């Protein structure tokens, strides 16, 4: 069950990270360089919903699966950094492989 939850968390992180990149590198330039504020109006709420779900899933992983606190802090910090979720996903993949080989 933990593997499925971790897979879901990693997928959600990639979705949230992708929405942040779309917001920062596509919607914001469209708004400020080409005077097209509708791009942010469309992408912004989608990113906000994905971010909220990501934070809830981080809390779930922390308390239900007794996830290490450093992963929880790293997960929250990575949500604010462009490409942060992609780096976190790679580290979680390495951690999952380590846990599987140790068991």
Protein backbone atom coordinates (compact mmCIF):
# COMPACT_ATOMS: atom_id res chain seq x y z
CA UNK A 1 0.00 0.00 0.00
CA UNK A 2 2.89 2.37 0.74
CA UNK A 3 4.29 1.89 -2.76
CA UNK A 4 0.96 2.91 -4.29
CA UNK A 5 0.76 5.97 -2.04
CA UNK A 6 4.33 6.93 -2.88
CA UNK A 7 3.64 6.46 -6.60
CA UNK A 8 0.56 8.69 -6.26
CA UNK A 9 2.56 11.31 -4.36
CA UNK A 10 5.31 11.32 -6.97
CA UNK A 11 2.76 11.66 -9.78
CA UNK A 12 1.03 14.51 -7.96
CA UNK A 13 4.37 16.22 -7.44
CA UNK A 14 5.13 16.02 -11.15
CA UNK A 15 1.70 17.45 -11.99
CA UNK A 16 2.09 20.29 -9.51
CA UNK A 17 5.63 21.01 -10.68
CA UNK A 18 4.51 21.05 -14.30
CA UNK A 19 1.68 23.44 -13.53
CA UNK A 20 4.14 25.78 -11.78
CA UNK A 21 6.41 25.75 -14.82
CA UNK A 22 3.49 26.41 -17.16
CA UNK A 23 2.39 29.28 -14.94
CA UNK A 24 5.86 30.82 -14.66
CA UNK A 25 7.21 30.28 -18.16
CA UNK A 26 4.12 30.40 -20.36
CA UNK A 27 1.20 32.15 -18.64
CA UNK A 28 3.15 34.93 -16.93
CA UNK A 29 5.08 35.96 -20.07
CA UNK A 30 1.82 35.92 -22.01
CA UNK A 31 0.30 38.22 -19.42
CA UNK A 32 3.13 40.72 -19.12
CA UNK A 33 4.78 40.63 -22.53
CA UNK A 34 1.77 40.14 -24.79
CA UNK A 35 -0.98 41.69 -22.66
CA UNK A 36 -2.93 38.44 -22.41
CA UNK A 37 -3.99 38.16 -18.73
CA UNK A 38 -6.49 35.38 -19.49
CA UNK A 39 -3.62 32.88 -19.56
CA UNK A 40 -2.93 33.43 -15.87
CA UNK A 41 -6.65 33.47 -15.14
CA UNK A 42 -6.93 29.97 -16.62
CA UNK A 43 -3.71 28.38 -15.36
CA UNK A 44 -3.60 30.05 -11.94
CA UNK A 45 -6.62 28.27 -10.41
CA UNK A 46 -5.51 24.94 -11.85
CA UNK A 47 -2.08 25.37 -10.28
CA UNK A 48 -3.68 26.47 -6.99
CA UNK A 49 -5.85 23.37 -6.84
CA UNK A 50 -2.93 21.07 -7.67
CA UNK A 51 -0.77 22.82 -5.07
CA UNK A 52 -3.45 22.38 -2.41
CA UNK A 53 -3.83 18.69 -3.22
CA UNK A 54 -0.06 18.28 -3.18
CA UNK A 55 0.22 19.83 0.30
CA UNK A 56 -2.64 17.63 1.58
CA UNK A 57 -0.94 14.57 0.13
CA UNK A 58 2.33 15.61 1.80
CA UNK A 59 0.53 15.81 5.15
CA UNK A 60 -1.06 12.41 4.48
CA UNK A 61 2.32 10.82 3.70
CA UNK A 62 3.86 12.40 6.81
CA UNK A 63 1.30 11.20 9.32
CA UNK A 64 -0.25 8.05 7.87
CA UNK A 65 2.92 6.47 6.53
CA UNK A 66 5.25 8.04 9.10
CA UNK A 67 7.34 9.59 6.38
CA UNK A 68 10.69 11.07 7.50
CA UNK A 69 10.26 14.70 8.51
CA UNK A 70 13.06 15.82 6.19
CA UNK A 71 11.10 14.48 3.20
CA UNK A 72 8.05 16.44 4.29
CA UNK A 73 10.02 19.66 4.62
CA UNK A 74 11.76 19.01 1.31
CA UNK A 75 8.44 18.30 -0.38
CA UNK A 76 6.94 21.59 0.78
CA UNK A 77 10.03 23.61 -0.14
CA UNK A 78 10.28 21.95 -3.55
CA UNK A 79 6.72 23.03 -4.36
CA UNK A 80 7.86 26.66 -4.32
CA UNK A 81 10.92 26.19 -6.55
CA UNK A 82 10.83 25.83 -10.32
CA UNK A 83 11.97 22.29 -11.16
CA UNK A 84 11.99 21.51 -7.42
CA UNK A 85 9.43 18.72 -7.67
CA UNK A 86 11.43 17.05 -10.41
CA UNK A 87 14.54 16.98 -8.19
CA UNK A 88 12.45 15.67 -5.29
CA UNK A 89 10.96 12.96 -7.52
CA UNK A 90 14.43 11.74 -8.46
CA UNK A 91 15.46 11.61 -4.80
CA UNK A 92 12.30 9.75 -3.84
CA UNK A 93 12.93 7.26 -6.60
CA UNK A 94 16.46 6.66 -5.27
CA UNK A 95 15.11 6.37 -1.71
CA UNK A 96 12.47 3.87 -2.84
CA UNK A 97 15.11 1.75 -4.60
CA UNK A 98 17.30 1.90 -1.49
CA UNK A 99 14.41 0.79 0.75
CA UNK A 100 13.55 -2.04 -1.65
CA UNK A 101 17.14 -3.32 -1.74
CA UNK A 102 17.50 -3.08 2.04
CA UNK A 103 14.34 -5.13 2.67
